[in-house]
Amino acid sequence: MCWSGEASGVLAAAGLTTAVYVAYKGESKELWIPLTYFALMELLQAVTYVYIDLCGNPNNQVLTLLGYLHIAFQPFFVNMVAMYFIPESVKLKIRTTVYALCAISSLAMLIKMYPFAWAGECVPGVEGFCGAQTCSISGAWHIAWQMPLNGLMSQPVEWLFGFNWGLHAFSYILAAFYLPIIYGSWRFVGFHYLIGPWISDVTTDDPNEYCAVWCLFSIALCVSVIKTPIRKYLHVKKWPFYNREVGDSL
């Protein structure tokens, strides 16, 4: 299997068109705004293919940076979708805290970019988005991003059972997966895992390509959530942290 800029362009157009359609139909903004955001990532990838493997080209480097920045702010949009599937009363109480935690996650990912001398360097081949230079190159079948990230959490962390995927991966996992589970959107997290990390893991063994593949399948994730029967099975009405009044009103 081999992807291309044209394929990314078509997928981006499909995602943006679907987002406009569902917004026009009056669907919740918590569904079409994330779809728009992830479709823009695919558009970014389509443009990146024009400069793929040209590591000395400024356009390649800027597009690679934009790819990292897009991922850094994805937890906001993942949680926006996740909160759609919990009771409205719960969402209204927690959303400020949830978005504040997403901001902390994004900040951690930005800190991972800075070349602190004391932090060392990331480990290529182990953590995603790690490389000797800022560049988008060809992976096994899609784009592989690389940047000279620092070494924060790049070495095995004993209290995290040897976690060594970097601060950026750690903060993203906490905000995009564990946080939604805490406030009850476990069904969406399960579906997100299957359509994102699991598919990425079985289609590439390159950690730098993993992120781009995951973003590609995020379009399918959003469209499935919006326009297929899967959507009705993702709502959660009861959770240990919900009070009795919430449960009785559903």
C-alpha atoms as a PDB file:
ATOM      1  CA  MET A   1       0.000   0.000   0.000  1.00  0.00           C
ATOM      2  CA  CYS A   2       1.302   3.450  -0.891  1.00  0.00           C
ATOM      3  CA  TRP A   3      -0.300   6.799  -0.128  1.00  0.00           C
ATOM      4  CA  SER A   4       0.129  10.028  -2.111  1.00  0.00           C
ATOM      5  CA  GLY A   5      -0.449  13.747  -2.010  1.00  0.00           C
ATOM      6  CA  GLU A   6      -3.436  13.337  -4.309  1.00  0.00           C
ATOM      7  CA  ALA A   7      -4.990  10.780  -1.969  1.00  0.00           C
ATOM      8  CA  SER A   8      -4.477  13.080   0.998  1.00  0.00           C
ATOM      9  CA  GLY A   9      -6.019  15.943  -0.961  1.00  0.00           C
ATOM     10  CA  VAL A  10      -9.108  13.900  -1.811  1.00  0.00           C
ATOM     11  CA  LEU A  11      -9.490  12.764   1.793  1.00  0.00           C
ATOM     12  CA  ALA A  12      -9.079  16.327   3.060  1.00  0.00           C
ATOM     13  CA  ALA A  13     -11.730  17.555   0.614  1.00  0.00           C
ATOM     14  CA  ALA A  14     -14.084  14.777   1.703  1.00  0.00           C
ATOM     15  CA  GLY A  15     -13.541  15.624   5.365  1.00  0.00           C
ATOM     16  CA  LEU A  16     -14.051  19.359   4.888  1.00  0.00           C
ATOM     17  CA  THR A  17     -17.129  18.798   2.716  1.00  0.00           C
ATOM     18  CA  THR A  18     -18.635  16.494   5.346  1.00  0.00           C
ATOM     19  CA  ALA A  19     -17.885  19.043   8.058  1.00  0.00           C
ATOM     20  CA  VAL A  20     -19.631  21.799   6.108  1.00  0.00           C
ATOM     21  CA  TYR A  21     -22.607  19.517   5.440  1.00  0.00           C
ATOM     22  CA  VAL A  22     -23.129  18.456   9.043  1.00  0.00           C
ATOM     23  CA  ALA A  23     -22.678  22.037  10.253  1.00  0.00           C
ATOM     24  CA  TYR A  24     -25.321  23.148   7.733  1.00  0.00           C
ATOM     25  CA  LYS A  25     -27.621  20.389   9.018  1.00  0.00           C
ATOM     26  CA  GLY A  26     -27.350  21.794  12.515  1.00  0.00           C
ATOM     27  CA  GLU A  27     -25.228  19.028  14.034  1.00  0.00           C
ATOM     28  CA  SER A  28     -23.336  19.764  17.230  1.00  0.00           C
ATOM     29  CA  LYS A  29     -20.204  21.841  16.784  1.00  0.00           C
ATOM     30  CA  GLU A  30     -18.486  19.277  19.026  1.00  0.00           C
ATOM     31  CA  LEU A  31     -18.609  16.941  16.027  1.00  0.00           C
ATOM     32  CA  TRP A  32     -17.907  19.086  12.993  1.00  0.00           C
ATOM     33  CA  ILE A  33     -15.207  21.321  14.482  1.00  0.00           C
ATOM     34  CA  PRO A  34     -12.912  18.336  15.260  1.00  0.00           C
ATOM     35  CA  LEU A  35     -13.629  16.873  11.814  1.00  0.00           C
ATOM     36  CA  THR A  36     -12.569  20.189  10.273  1.00  0.00           C
ATOM     37  CA  TYR A  37      -9.396  20.228  12.356  1.00  0.00           C
ATOM     38  CA  PHE A  38      -8.337  16.718  11.350  1.00  0.00           C
ATOM     39  CA  ALA A  39      -9.273  17.347   7.715  1.00  0.00           C
ATOM     40  CA  LEU A  40      -6.922  20.336   7.759  1.00  0.00           C
ATOM     41  CA  MET A  41      -4.160  18.004   8.900  1.00  0.00           C
ATOM     42  CA  GLU A  42      -4.766  15.838   5.854  1.00  0.00           C
ATOM     43  CA  LEU A  43      -4.642  18.962   3.688  1.00  0.00           C
ATOM     44  CA  LEU A  44      -1.327  19.814   5.346  1.00  0.00           C
ATOM     45  CA  GLN A  45      -0.063  16.349   4.487  1.00  0.00           C
ATOM     46  CA  ALA A  46      -1.194  16.753   0.887  1.00  0.00           C
ATOM     47  CA  VAL A  47       0.926  19.898   0.569  1.00  0.00           C
ATOM     48  CA  THR A  48       3.827  18.189   2.355  1.00  0.00           C
ATOM     49  CA  TYR A  49       3.984  15.567  -0.391  1.00  0.00           C
ATOM     50  CA  VAL A  50       5.059  18.322  -2.796  1.00  0.00           C
ATOM     51  CA  TYR A  51       8.281  18.718  -0.789  1.00  0.00           C
ATOM     52  CA  ILE A  52       8.656  15.191   0.588  1.00  0.00           C
ATOM     53  CA  ASP A  53      12.270  14.059   1.205  1.00  0.00           C
ATOM     54  CA  LEU A  54      13.622  17.559   0.448  1.00  0.00           C
ATOM     55  CA  CYS A  55      15.109  18.047   3.887  1.00  0.00           C
ATOM     56  CA  GLY A  56      17.030  21.178   2.931  1.00  0.00           C
ATOM     57  CA  ASN A  57      13.910  22.868   1.593  1.00  0.00           C
ATOM     58  CA  PRO A  58      12.466  25.498   3.975  1.00  0.00           C
ATOM     59  CA  ASN A  59       8.918  24.581   2.925  1.00  0.00           C
ATOM     60  CA  ASN A  60       9.476  20.983   3.971  1.00  0.00           C
ATOM     61  CA  GLN A  61      10.793  22.110   7.344  1.00  0.00           C
ATOM     62  CA  VAL A  62       7.940  24.560   7.977  1.00  0.00           C
ATOM     63  CA  LEU A  63       5.321  21.963   7.028  1.00  0.00           C
ATOM     64  CA  THR A  64       6.970  19.446   9.351  1.00  0.00           C
ATOM     65  CA  LEU A  65       6.824  21.972  12.178  1.00  0.00           C
ATOM     66  CA  LEU A  66       3.159  22.651  11.434  1.00  0.00           C
ATOM     67  CA  GLY A  67       2.490  18.918  11.561  1.00  0.00           C
ATOM     68  CA  TYR A  68       3.971  18.732  15.050  1.00  0.00           C
ATOM     69  CA  LEU A  69       2.038  21.802  16.208  1.00  0.00           C
ATOM     70  CA  HIS A  70      -1.197  20.340  14.858  1.00  0.00           C
ATOM     71  CA  ILE A  71      -0.633  17.174  16.898  1.00  0.00           C
ATOM     72  CA  ALA A  72       0.265  19.220  19.981  1.00  0.00           C
ATOM     73  CA  PHE A  73      -3.219  20.773  20.041  1.00  0.00           C
ATOM     74  CA  GLN A  74      -5.186  17.677  19.050  1.00  0.00           C
ATOM     75  CA  PRO A  75      -6.145  16.767  22.653  1.00  0.00           C
ATOM     76  CA  PHE A  76      -8.526  19.750  22.677  1.00  0.00           C
ATOM     77  CA  PHE A  77     -10.439  18.360  19.713  1.00  0.00           C
ATOM     78  CA  VAL A  78     -10.317  14.732  20.834  1.00  0.00           C
ATOM     79  CA  ASN A  79     -11.857  15.733  24.147  1.00  0.00           C
ATOM     80  CA  MET A  80     -14.388  17.918  22.390  1.00  0.00           C
ATOM     81  CA  VAL A  81     -15.724  14.817  20.653  1.00  0.00           C
ATOM     82  CA  ALA A  82     -15.377  12.659  23.770  1.00  0.00           C
ATOM     83  CA  MET A  83     -17.471  15.056  25.872  1.00  0.00           C
ATOM     84  CA  TYR A  84     -20.243  14.936  23.281  1.00  0.00           C
ATOM     85  CA  PHE A  85     -20.961  11.376  24.434  1.00  0.00           C
ATOM     86  CA  ILE A  86     -21.443  12.115  28.132  1.00  0.00           C
ATOM     87  CA  PRO A  87     -24.460  13.770  29.827  1.00  0.00           C
ATOM     88  CA  GLU A  88     -24.770  17.482  29.075  1.00  0.00           C
ATOM     89  CA  SER A  89     -24.924  18.380  32.778  1.00  0.00           C
ATOM     90  CA  VAL A  90     -21.623  16.587  33.408  1.00  0.00           C
ATOM     91  CA  LYS A  91     -19.963  18.186  30.403  1.00  0.00           C
ATOM     92  CA  LEU A  92     -20.927  21.687  31.517  1.00  0.00           C
ATOM     93  CA  LYS A  93     -19.349  21.077  34.927  1.00  0.00           C
ATOM     94  CA  ILE A  94     -16.065  19.624  33.730  1.00  0.00           C
ATOM     95  CA  ARG A  95     -15.265  21.169  30.359  1.00  0.00           C
ATOM     96  CA  THR A  96     -13.231  24.101  31.734  1.00  0.00           C
ATOM     97  CA  THR A  97     -11.070  21.706  33.742  1.00  0.00           C
ATOM     98  CA  VAL A  98     -10.774  19.314  30.788  1.00  0.00           C
ATOM     99  CA  TYR A  99      -9.617  22.033  28.414  1.00  0.00           C
ATOM    100  CA  ALA A 100      -7.193  23.368  31.042  1.00  0.00           C
ATOM    101  CA  LEU A 101      -5.611  19.898  31.264  1.00  0.00           C
ATOM    102  CA  CYS A 102      -5.462  19.772  27.455  1.00  0.00           C
ATOM    103  CA  ALA A 103      -3.599  23.093  27.541  1.00  0.00           C
ATOM    104  CA  ILE A 104      -1.063  21.586  29.956  1.00  0.00           C
ATOM    105  CA  SER A 105      -0.640  18.633  27.583  1.00  0.00           C
ATOM    106  CA  SER A 106      -0.067  20.956  24.636  1.00  0.00           C
ATOM    107  CA  LEU A 107       2.453  22.959  26.645  1.00  0.00           C
ATOM    108  CA  ALA A 108       4.350  19.777  27.494  1.00  0.00           C
ATOM    109  CA  MET A 109       4.522  18.869  23.822  1.00  0.00           C
ATOM    110  CA  LEU A 110       5.845  22.325  22.983  1.00  0.00           C
ATOM    111  CA  ILE A 111       8.474  22.021  25.731  1.00  0.00           C
ATOM    112  CA  LYS A 112       9.601  18.765  24.105  1.00  0.00           C
ATOM    113  CA  MET A 113      10.562  20.789  21.026  1.00  0.00           C
ATOM    114  CA  TYR A 114      13.047  23.072  22.763  1.00  0.00           C
ATOM    115  CA  PRO A 115      16.720  21.980  22.609  1.00  0.00           C
ATOM    116  CA  PHE A 116      17.564  22.166  26.313  1.00  0.00           C
ATOM    117  CA  ALA A 117      21.206  21.146  26.646  1.00  0.00           C
ATOM    118  CA  TRP A 118      20.533  19.480  30.012  1.00  0.00           C
ATOM    119  CA  ALA A 119      17.684  17.372  28.583  1.00  0.00           C
ATOM    120  CA  GLY A 120      19.769  15.539  26.011  1.00  0.00           C
ATOM    121  CA  GLU A 121      18.320  14.302  22.741  1.00  0.00           C
ATOM    122  CA  CYS A 122      15.418  12.094  21.740  1.00  0.00           C
ATOM    123  CA  VAL A 123      16.055   8.495  20.677  1.00  0.00           C
ATOM    124  CA  PRO A 124      15.460   7.861  16.941  1.00  0.00           C
ATOM    125  CA  GLY A 125      13.598   4.686  16.133  1.00  0.00           C
ATOM    126  CA  VAL A 126      11.964   4.536  19.551  1.00  0.00           C
ATOM    127  CA  GLU A 127       9.844   7.664  19.958  1.00  0.00           C
ATOM    128  CA  GLY A 128       7.738   9.279  17.258  1.00  0.00           C
ATOM    129  CA  PHE A 129       8.746  12.502  15.516  1.00  0.00           C
ATOM    130  CA  CYS A 130      12.401  12.046  16.461  1.00  0.00           C
ATOM    131  CA  GLY A 131      15.258  12.604  14.046  1.00  0.00           C
ATOM    132  CA  ALA A 132      18.492  14.456  13.472  1.00  0.00           C
ATOM    133  CA  GLN A 133      16.822  17.257  11.501  1.00  0.00           C
ATOM    134  CA  THR A 134      13.416  18.785  10.886  1.00  0.00           C
ATOM    135  CA  CYS A 135      12.113  17.001   7.812  1.00  0.00           C
ATOM    136  CA  SER A 136       9.194  15.100   6.305  1.00  0.00           C
ATOM    137  CA  ILE A 137      10.404  11.960   4.551  1.00  0.00           C
ATOM    138  CA  SER A 138       8.808   8.962   2.885  1.00  0.00           C
ATOM    139  CA  GLY A 139       7.823   6.203   5.285  1.00  0.00           C
ATOM    140  CA  ALA A 140       6.767   2.677   4.434  1.00  0.00           C
ATOM    141  CA  TRP A 141       3.558   3.961   2.820  1.00  0.00           C
ATOM    142  CA  HIS A 142       2.887   7.445   4.204  1.00  0.00           C
ATOM    143  CA  ILE A 143       4.764  10.469   5.558  1.00  0.00           C
ATOM    144  CA  ALA A 144       7.327  10.065   8.326  1.00  0.00           C
ATOM    145  CA  TRP A 145       7.974  13.199  10.363  1.00  0.00           C
ATOM    146  CA  GLN A 146      11.179  13.891  12.229  1.00  0.00           C
ATOM    147  CA  MET A 147      12.482  16.709  14.393  1.00  0.00           C
ATOM    148  CA  PRO A 148      15.490  17.061  16.744  1.00  0.00           C
ATOM    149  CA  LEU A 149      13.392  16.900  19.914  1.00  0.00           C
ATOM    150  CA  ASN A 150      14.961  16.982  23.349  1.00  0.00           C
ATOM    151  CA  GLY A 151      15.379  13.913  25.532  1.00  0.00           C
ATOM    152  CA  LEU A 152      12.698  14.546  28.165  1.00  0.00           C
ATOM    153  CA  MET A 153      11.275  11.107  29.080  1.00  0.00           C
ATOM    154  CA  SER A 154      13.246   9.519  26.227  1.00  0.00           C
ATOM    155  CA  GLN A 155      15.033   7.192  28.619  1.00  0.00           C
ATOM    156  CA  PRO A 156      13.056   4.460  30.399  1.00  0.00           C
ATOM    157  CA  VAL A 157      11.082   5.879  33.317  1.00  0.00           C
ATOM    158  CA  GLU A 158      11.070   3.276  36.082  1.00  0.00           C
ATOM    159  CA  TRP A 159       7.892   4.476  37.818  1.00  0.00           C
ATOM    160  CA  LEU A 160       6.083   4.288  34.448  1.00  0.00           C
ATOM    161  CA  PHE A 161       7.118   0.672  33.832  1.00  0.00           C
ATOM    162  CA  GLY A 162       9.975   1.685  31.536  1.00  0.00           C
ATOM    163  CA  PHE A 163       8.024   4.191  29.400  1.00  0.00           C
ATOM    164  CA  ASN A 164      10.461   5.773  26.927  1.00  0.00           C
ATOM    165  CA  TRP A 165       8.360   7.291  24.157  1.00  0.00           C
ATOM    166  CA  GLY A 166       9.067  10.867  25.190  1.00  0.00           C
ATOM    167  CA  LEU A 167       7.259  13.632  27.043  1.00  0.00           C
ATOM    168  CA  HIS A 168       5.159  14.452  23.978  1.00  0.00           C
ATOM    169  CA  ALA A 169       3.745  10.921  23.749  1.00  0.00           C
ATOM    170  CA  PHE A 170       3.206  10.722  27.512  1.00  0.00           C
ATOM    171  CA  SER A 171       1.251  13.983  27.689  1.00  0.00           C
ATOM    172  CA  TYR A 172      -0.785  13.137  24.573  1.00  0.00           C
ATOM    173  CA  ILE A 173      -1.760   9.696  25.889  1.00  0.00           C
ATOM    174  CA  LEU A 174      -2.845  11.154  29.231  1.00  0.00           C
ATOM    175  CA  ALA A 175      -4.945  13.916  27.672  1.00  0.00           C
ATOM    176  CA  ALA A 176      -6.459  12.044  24.706  1.00  0.00           C
ATOM    177  CA  PHE A 177      -7.076   8.626  26.281  1.00  0.00           C
ATOM    178  CA  TYR A 178      -6.915   8.514  30.066  1.00  0.00           C
ATOM    179  CA  LEU A 179      -8.639  11.861  30.642  1.00  0.00           C
ATOM    180  CA  PRO A 180     -11.803  10.917  28.667  1.00  0.00           C
ATOM    181  CA  ILE A 181     -11.954   7.587  30.507  1.00  0.00           C
ATOM    182  CA  ILE A 182     -11.859   9.407  33.842  1.00  0.00           C
ATOM    183  CA  TYR A 183     -14.933  11.476  32.975  1.00  0.00           C
ATOM    184  CA  GLY A 184     -16.770   8.499  31.496  1.00  0.00           C
ATOM    185  CA  SER A 185     -16.344   8.570  27.714  1.00  0.00           C
ATOM    186  CA  TRP A 186     -14.796   5.089  27.695  1.00  0.00           C
ATOM    187  CA  ARG A 187     -16.721   3.852  24.671  1.00  0.00           C
ATOM    188  CA  PHE A 188     -15.365   6.629  22.482  1.00  0.00           C
ATOM    189  CA  VAL A 189     -11.853   5.973  23.799  1.00  0.00           C
ATOM    190  CA  GLY A 190     -12.159   2.307  22.847  1.00  0.00           C
ATOM    191  CA  PHE A 191     -13.322   3.182  19.339  1.00  0.00           C
ATOM    192  CA  HIS A 192     -10.630   5.857  19.043  1.00  0.00           C
ATOM    193  CA  TYR A 193      -7.969   3.323  20.010  1.00  0.00           C
ATOM    194  CA  LEU A 194      -9.106   0.849  17.340  1.00  0.00           C
ATOM    195  CA  ILE A 195      -9.326   3.438  14.546  1.00  0.00           C
ATOM    196  CA  GLY A 196      -6.165   5.288  15.570  1.00  0.00           C
ATOM    197  CA  PRO A 197      -3.300   3.651  17.483  1.00  0.00           C
ATOM    198  CA  TRP A 198      -4.208   0.034  16.738  1.00  0.00           C
ATOM    199  CA  ILE A 199      -4.531   0.463  12.968  1.00  0.00           C
ATOM    200  CA  SER A 200      -1.370   2.580  12.906  1.00  0.00           C
ATOM    201  CA  ASP A 201       0.503  -0.079  14.831  1.00  0.00           C
ATOM    202  CA  VAL A 202      -0.457  -2.867  12.418  1.00  0.00           C
ATOM    203  CA  THR A 203       0.216  -0.865   9.241  1.00  0.00           C
ATOM    204  CA  THR A 204       3.660   0.578  10.031  1.00  0.00           C
ATOM    205  CA  ASP A 205       6.592  -0.185  12.301  1.00  0.00           C
ATOM    206  CA  ASP A 206       8.173   3.246  11.839  1.00  0.00           C
ATOM    207  CA  PRO A 207       7.467   5.443  14.902  1.00  0.00           C
ATOM    208  CA  ASN A 208       7.958   8.579  12.788  1.00  0.00           C
ATOM    209  CA  GLU A 209       5.308   7.413  10.328  1.00  0.00           C
ATOM    210  CA  TYR A 210       2.946   6.322  13.092  1.00  0.00           C
ATOM    211  CA  CYS A 211       1.671   9.847  13.786  1.00  0.00           C
ATOM    212  CA  ALA A 212       0.832  10.620  10.153  1.00  0.00           C
ATOM    213  CA  VAL A 213      -0.992   7.309   9.711  1.00  0.00           C
ATOM    214  CA  TRP A 214      -2.938   7.943  12.906  1.00  0.00           C
ATOM    215  CA  CYS A 215      -3.975  11.396  11.676  1.00  0.00           C
ATOM    216  CA  LEU A 216      -5.073   9.910   8.366  1.00  0.00           C
ATOM    217  CA  PHE A 217      -7.402   7.437  10.066  1.00  0.00           C
ATOM    218  CA  SER A 218      -8.730  10.192  12.337  1.00  0.00           C
ATOM    219  CA  ILE A 219     -10.804  11.369   9.360  1.00  0.00           C
ATOM    220  CA  ALA A 220     -12.502   7.970   9.290  1.00  0.00           C
ATOM    221  CA  LEU A 221     -12.933   8.167  13.052  1.00  0.00           C
ATOM    222  CA  CYS A 222     -14.734  11.506  12.905  1.00  0.00           C
ATOM    223  CA  VAL A 223     -16.906  10.596   9.928  1.00  0.00           C
ATOM    224  CA  SER A 224     -17.862   7.288  11.559  1.00  0.00           C
ATOM    225  CA  VAL A 225     -18.844   9.079  14.738  1.00  0.00           C
ATOM    226  CA  ILE A 226     -20.963  11.602  12.839  1.00  0.00           C
ATOM    227  CA  LYS A 227     -22.583   9.704   9.968  1.00  0.00           C
ATOM    228  CA  THR A 228     -22.830   6.002  10.903  1.00  0.00           C
ATOM    229  CA  PRO A 229     -24.916   3.961  13.384  1.00  0.00           C
ATOM    230  CA  ILE A 230     -21.780   3.576  15.517  1.00  0.00           C
ATOM    231  CA  ARG A 231     -22.545   6.980  16.980  1.00  0.00           C
ATOM    232  CA  LYS A 232     -25.532   5.844  19.033  1.00  0.00           C
ATOM    233  CA  TYR A 233     -23.463   3.169  20.770  1.00  0.00           C
ATOM    234  CA  LEU A 234     -20.815   5.605  22.024  1.00  0.00           C
ATOM    235  CA  HIS A 235     -22.994   7.525  24.480  1.00  0.00           C
ATOM    236  CA  VAL A 236     -22.386   6.859  28.167  1.00  0.00           C
ATOM    237  CA  LYS A 237     -25.196   7.577  30.608  1.00  0.00           C
ATOM    238  CA  LYS A 238     -23.838   6.033  33.798  1.00  0.00           C
ATOM    239  CA  TRP A 239     -20.387   6.282  35.330  1.00  0.00           C
ATOM    240  CA  PRO A 240     -19.148   6.008  38.927  1.00  0.00           C
ATOM    241  CA  PHE A 241     -18.339   9.724  39.060  1.00  0.00           C
ATOM    242  CA  TYR A 242     -21.801  10.815  37.914  1.00  0.00           C
ATOM    243  CA  ASN A 243     -24.159  11.697  40.743  1.00  0.00           C
ATOM    244  CA  ARG A 244     -27.529  10.022  41.240  1.00  0.00           C
ATOM    245  CA  GLU A 245     -29.431  13.058  39.971  1.00  0.00           C
ATOM    246  CA  VAL A 246     -27.699  12.803  36.606  1.00  0.00           C
ATOM    247  CA  GLY A 247     -28.510   9.105  36.329  1.00  0.00           C
ATOM    248  CA  ASP A 248     -32.144   9.638  37.280  1.00  0.00           C
ATOM    249  CA  SER A 249     -32.611  12.336  34.642  1.00  0.00           C
ATOM    250  CA  LEU A 250     -31.480  10.100  31.769  1.00  0.00           C
END
